[in-house]
Amino acid sequence: MDEKWAFVKKKEKNCQEGEADERCGDNWDHVAFAPEHRLVLTTVPGKRSAEKVQELVADVKQRLEGRVPRLITTDEYAAYPQAILNAYSTEVVPPRTGKPGRPKAPQQVPLPELHYATVHKTREKGRVVKVVLNVVFGLVAAVMAAVSASRASRHINTAFIERHNGTDRNRNSRKVRKTYCFSKDWDTHEAVGYFTMYSYNFCWPVRTLGVRGEDGHGQDRTPAMVAGLADHVWHLAEWLSRPAACRTT
């Protein structure tokens, strides 16, 4: 999981007092990304906040139908640990001791299958020279076992989602860091963000996901095909004409 920065109308530092509200200034894509499939699980645009991170993690849980991901990795943004614990934990009530005084409050205990790690990056002259792993939930051995079983990488990192951030900026010029094409309307910015992020899953063949058959001919594959959500590369018109299924809780 990661956050990708963009802005609407003007950058946050240039907003007047009271102007940097929900309709102007910085707009972040909070993104959950499955590196093995290169699949965008969900994106939540808006101000960078703990509330948006809570919404992101809750939506991931709903889309996975409650299943706990094999491994969750993020940067050191402080909002993630509590949001992940809220989604994947049980409430344990300490037993009464029989002694005088107020009883202990219920505690959130992470699920045993929850494995969550963060990465701390050390940079020199703008380049990452060292990455340090910090296991937040779960055992180090279990986290390393999850990494060993991964088809994407043998190291804990956020490189895959950061690479996708670059792909999305290329597909959506509104999010390029230095551009005259920045968004002037908040709702339009978020709508185009949803459009490029989710159409990528079904309509964008990823070079590294392609396979070559015994006859030497290759097959292009999209993230949705690798994840078992589609059996061919969708045309954009096909994706747009599909009826949307809305889940209710």
Protein backbone atom coordinates (compact mmCIF):
# COMPACT_ATOMS: atom_id res chain seq x y z
CA MET A 1 0.00 0.00 0.00
CA ASP A 2 1.22 3.49 -0.81
CA GLU A 3 0.10 7.07 -1.47
CA LYS A 4 0.68 9.00 -4.71
CA TRP A 5 0.67 12.80 -4.65
CA ALA A 6 -1.09 15.14 -7.06
CA PHE A 7 -2.90 18.46 -6.73
CA VAL A 8 -6.01 20.28 -7.92
CA LYS A 9 -6.11 24.00 -8.90
CA LYS A 10 -2.91 24.77 -7.02
CA LYS A 11 -0.42 23.14 -4.70
CA GLU A 12 -1.26 23.06 -1.02
CA LYS A 13 1.50 25.52 -0.12
CA ASN A 14 -0.04 28.11 -2.48
CA CYS A 15 -3.58 27.83 -1.11
CA GLN A 16 -4.87 30.78 0.86
CA GLU A 17 -6.01 30.39 4.46
CA GLY A 18 -9.23 28.41 4.51
CA GLU A 19 -8.85 27.50 0.83
CA ALA A 20 -6.98 24.22 1.28
CA ASP A 21 -10.13 22.26 1.95
CA GLU A 22 -11.61 19.21 0.24
CA ARG A 23 -11.84 21.00 -3.12
CA CYS A 24 -8.37 22.48 -3.58
CA GLY A 25 -4.73 21.65 -2.97
CA ASP A 26 -3.08 18.27 -2.51
CA ASN A 27 -4.98 15.18 -3.65
CA TRP A 28 -3.44 11.79 -2.88
CA ASP A 29 -4.22 8.40 -4.36
CA HIS A 30 -4.19 5.87 -1.52
CA VAL A 31 -3.53 2.64 -3.42
CA ALA A 32 -3.47 -1.07 -2.58
CA PHE A 33 -1.52 -3.07 -5.17
CA ALA A 34 -1.01 -6.84 -5.62
CA PRO A 35 2.55 -7.20 -7.00
CA GLU A 36 2.26 -10.82 -8.18
CA HIS A 37 -0.62 -9.89 -10.49
CA ARG A 38 0.28 -6.18 -10.96
CA LEU A 39 -3.37 -5.63 -10.00
CA VAL A 40 -4.77 -2.45 -8.48
CA LEU A 41 -6.96 -3.79 -5.68
CA THR A 42 -8.44 -0.42 -4.79
CA THR A 43 -7.72 3.28 -4.83
CA VAL A 44 -9.06 5.95 -2.49
CA PRO A 45 -8.40 9.54 -3.60
CA GLY A 46 -8.46 12.58 -1.33
CA LYS A 47 -6.48 14.35 1.35
CA ARG A 48 -3.68 12.29 2.88
CA SER A 49 -5.17 11.33 6.22
CA ALA A 50 -5.72 8.50 8.66
CA GLU A 51 -9.39 8.41 7.65
CA LYS A 52 -8.50 7.73 4.01
CA VAL A 53 -6.08 4.99 5.06
CA GLN A 54 -8.83 3.40 7.17
CA GLU A 55 -11.12 3.51 4.12
CA LEU A 56 -8.41 1.96 1.93
CA VAL A 57 -7.73 -0.99 4.26
CA ALA A 58 -11.44 -1.58 4.87
CA ASP A 59 -12.09 -1.68 1.11
CA VAL A 60 -9.25 -4.17 0.60
CA LYS A 61 -10.79 -6.40 3.25
CA GLN A 62 -14.19 -6.22 1.57
CA ARG A 63 -12.81 -6.94 -1.92
CA LEU A 64 -10.91 -9.95 -0.57
CA GLU A 65 -14.08 -11.09 1.23
CA GLY A 66 -12.37 -10.96 4.60
CA ARG A 67 -9.33 -13.01 3.62
CA VAL A 68 -6.08 -11.80 5.15
CA PRO A 69 -3.38 -10.99 2.56
CA ARG A 70 -0.32 -13.25 2.75
CA LEU A 71 1.84 -10.20 3.42
CA ILE A 72 1.18 -6.45 3.67
CA THR A 73 3.98 -3.96 3.13
CA THR A 74 3.92 -0.16 3.36
CA ASP A 75 6.23 2.74 3.98
CA GLU A 76 6.44 4.22 7.48
CA TYR A 77 3.31 6.39 7.25
CA ALA A 78 2.01 6.30 10.83
CA ALA A 79 -1.66 5.79 9.88
CA TYR A 80 -1.19 2.26 8.50
CA PRO A 81 -0.58 0.12 11.62
CA GLN A 82 -3.80 1.13 13.39
CA ALA A 83 -5.89 0.89 10.21
CA ILE A 84 -4.55 -2.60 9.50
CA LEU A 85 -5.08 -3.67 13.11
CA ASN A 86 -8.68 -2.39 13.01
CA ALA A 87 -9.38 -4.52 9.94
CA TYR A 88 -7.56 -7.72 10.89
CA SER A 89 -7.88 -8.23 14.63
CA THR A 90 -10.06 -9.74 17.29
CA GLU A 91 -11.20 -8.14 20.53
CA VAL A 92 -9.97 -9.90 23.65
CA VAL A 93 -11.53 -9.11 27.02
CA PRO A 94 -9.06 -9.68 29.87
CA PRO A 95 -10.48 -11.96 32.58
CA ARG A 96 -11.61 -10.40 35.82
CA THR A 97 -9.06 -10.72 38.58
CA GLY A 98 -11.50 -10.32 41.44
CA LYS A 99 -9.42 -7.50 42.84
CA PRO A 100 -10.79 -4.02 43.53
CA GLY A 101 -10.52 -1.41 40.82
CA ARG A 102 -11.62 -0.84 37.28
CA PRO A 103 -11.30 -3.93 35.02
CA LYS A 104 -8.90 -3.83 32.10
CA ALA A 105 -10.33 -2.57 28.85
CA PRO A 106 -10.73 -4.94 25.86
CA GLN A 107 -7.65 -5.21 23.66
CA GLN A 108 -7.22 -5.53 19.90
CA VAL A 109 -5.16 -8.61 19.11
CA PRO A 110 -3.93 -9.09 15.52
CA LEU A 111 -5.08 -12.23 13.76
CA PRO A 112 -2.40 -14.96 13.80
CA GLU A 113 -2.29 -15.03 9.98
CA LEU A 114 -1.63 -11.26 9.75
CA HIS A 115 1.89 -10.45 8.56
CA TYR A 116 2.71 -6.77 8.10
CA ALA A 117 6.09 -5.14 7.56
CA THR A 118 7.32 -1.64 6.78
CA VAL A 119 10.44 -0.50 4.98
CA HIS A 120 12.74 2.32 6.07
CA LYS A 121 14.74 3.80 3.21
CA THR A 122 18.05 5.60 3.61
CA ARG A 123 18.83 7.99 0.76
CA GLU A 124 22.04 9.64 -0.30
CA LYS A 125 22.01 12.28 -3.04
CA GLY A 126 18.44 11.33 -3.90
CA ARG A 127 19.15 7.61 -4.33
CA VAL A 128 18.10 4.77 -2.03
CA VAL A 129 21.24 3.15 -0.62
CA LYS A 130 19.76 1.06 2.19
CA VAL A 131 16.40 -0.53 3.02
CA VAL A 132 15.70 -1.74 6.57
CA LEU A 133 12.85 -4.15 7.33
CA ASN A 134 10.62 -3.65 10.36
CA VAL A 135 8.06 -6.36 11.16
CA VAL A 136 5.01 -4.72 12.78
CA PHE A 137 2.60 -7.67 13.03
CA GLY A 138 3.55 -11.35 12.86
CA LEU A 139 6.79 -13.26 13.32
CA VAL A 140 9.93 -12.43 11.34
CA ALA A 141 10.22 -16.06 10.24
CA ALA A 142 6.64 -16.06 8.94
CA VAL A 143 7.20 -12.79 7.08
CA MET A 144 10.35 -14.14 5.43
CA ALA A 145 8.51 -17.36 4.54
CA ALA A 146 5.82 -15.28 2.83
CA VAL A 147 8.50 -13.44 0.87
CA SER A 148 10.17 -16.72 -0.12
CA ALA A 149 6.84 -17.99 -1.46
CA SER A 150 6.25 -14.83 -3.49
CA ARG A 151 6.49 -15.01 -7.28
CA ALA A 152 7.26 -11.28 -7.44
CA SER A 153 10.29 -10.63 -5.24
CA ARG A 154 12.64 -12.09 -2.64
CA HIS A 155 12.91 -8.81 -0.75
CA ILE A 156 10.56 -6.66 1.32
CA ASN A 157 9.99 -3.48 -0.65
CA THR A 158 7.43 -1.08 -2.09
CA ALA A 159 9.13 -0.95 -5.49
CA PHE A 160 6.26 -2.54 -7.43
CA ILE A 161 3.64 -0.05 -6.36
CA GLU A 162 6.08 2.82 -6.83
CA ARG A 163 6.72 1.58 -10.37
CA HIS A 164 2.98 1.50 -10.95
CA ASN A 165 2.77 5.07 -9.67
CA GLY A 166 5.06 6.02 -12.55
CA THR A 167 2.90 4.08 -15.02
CA ASP A 168 -0.25 5.85 -13.83
CA ARG A 169 1.40 9.27 -14.09
CA ASN A 170 2.30 8.40 -17.68
CA ARG A 171 -1.30 7.38 -18.43
CA ASN A 172 -2.82 10.36 -16.60
CA SER A 173 -0.99 13.63 -17.25
CA ARG A 174 -3.01 15.36 -14.53
CA LYS A 175 -0.78 13.61 -11.98
CA VAL A 176 2.60 14.45 -13.49
CA ARG A 177 4.63 16.38 -10.93
CA LYS A 178 5.49 19.32 -13.20
CA THR A 179 2.81 19.94 -15.80
CA TYR A 180 0.44 22.51 -17.24
CA CYS A 181 -2.19 19.77 -17.46
CA PHE A 182 -2.99 19.67 -13.74
CA SER A 183 -6.66 19.33 -12.75
CA LYS A 184 -8.79 22.38 -12.10
CA ASP A 185 -11.81 20.54 -10.75
CA TRP A 186 -11.75 18.15 -7.76
CA ASP A 187 -14.49 15.79 -8.95
CA THR A 188 -13.07 15.54 -12.47
CA HIS A 189 -9.62 14.78 -11.09
CA GLU A 190 -10.93 11.90 -9.00
CA ALA A 191 -13.13 10.57 -11.82
CA VAL A 192 -10.23 10.43 -14.28
CA GLY A 193 -8.12 8.82 -11.56
CA TYR A 194 -10.64 6.02 -11.12
CA PHE A 195 -10.84 5.65 -14.92
CA THR A 196 -7.10 5.18 -15.50
CA MET A 197 -6.43 3.10 -12.39
CA TYR A 198 -9.18 0.52 -12.94
CA SER A 199 -9.06 0.36 -16.75
CA TYR A 200 -5.37 -0.51 -16.33
CA ASN A 201 -6.41 -3.82 -14.70
CA PHE A 202 -8.38 -5.05 -17.71
CA CYS A 203 -7.20 -3.10 -20.76
CA TRP A 204 -3.44 -2.58 -20.30
CA PRO A 205 -1.19 -5.55 -21.21
CA VAL A 206 1.83 -5.52 -18.90
CA ARG A 207 5.06 -6.49 -20.65
CA THR A 208 6.45 -8.49 -17.72
CA LEU A 209 3.23 -10.53 -17.46
CA GLY A 210 3.35 -11.78 -21.06
CA VAL A 211 4.01 -15.47 -21.74
CA ARG A 212 5.51 -17.26 -24.74
CA GLY A 213 4.13 -20.58 -25.92
CA GLU A 214 5.95 -23.60 -27.31
CA ASP A 215 5.33 -22.35 -30.85
CA GLY A 216 7.27 -19.19 -30.05
CA HIS A 217 4.25 -16.95 -30.21
CA GLY A 218 3.62 -14.71 -27.23
CA GLN A 219 0.43 -13.86 -25.40
CA ASP A 220 -0.17 -10.46 -23.91
CA ARG A 221 -1.74 -10.54 -20.45
CA THR A 222 -3.34 -7.90 -18.29
CA PRO A 223 -3.33 -7.90 -14.47
CA ALA A 224 -6.95 -9.06 -14.51
CA MET A 225 -6.02 -12.07 -16.64
CA VAL A 226 -3.22 -13.11 -14.28
CA ALA A 227 -5.56 -12.70 -11.31
CA GLY A 228 -8.21 -14.88 -12.97
CA LEU A 229 -10.70 -12.03 -13.45
CA ALA A 230 -10.61 -12.06 -17.27
CA ASP A 231 -9.67 -14.43 -20.07
CA HIS A 232 -8.58 -11.87 -22.69
CA VAL A 233 -7.36 -8.31 -23.07
CA TRP A 234 -10.45 -6.13 -22.94
CA HIS A 235 -11.00 -3.28 -25.36
CA LEU A 236 -11.76 -0.02 -23.62
CA ALA A 237 -15.27 0.04 -25.10
CA GLU A 238 -15.91 -3.43 -23.69
CA TRP A 239 -14.78 -2.35 -20.23
CA LEU A 240 -16.87 0.83 -20.32
CA SER A 241 -20.00 -1.01 -21.40
CA ARG A 242 -19.82 -3.59 -18.63
CA PRO A 243 -22.48 -3.11 -15.94
CA ALA A 244 -21.01 -2.17 -12.57
CA ALA A 245 -21.67 -4.41 -9.59
CA CYS A 246 -22.03 -2.49 -6.33
CA ARG A 247 -21.44 -4.34 -3.08
CA THR A 248 -23.48 -3.50 -0.02
CA THR A 249 -22.55 -4.18 3.58
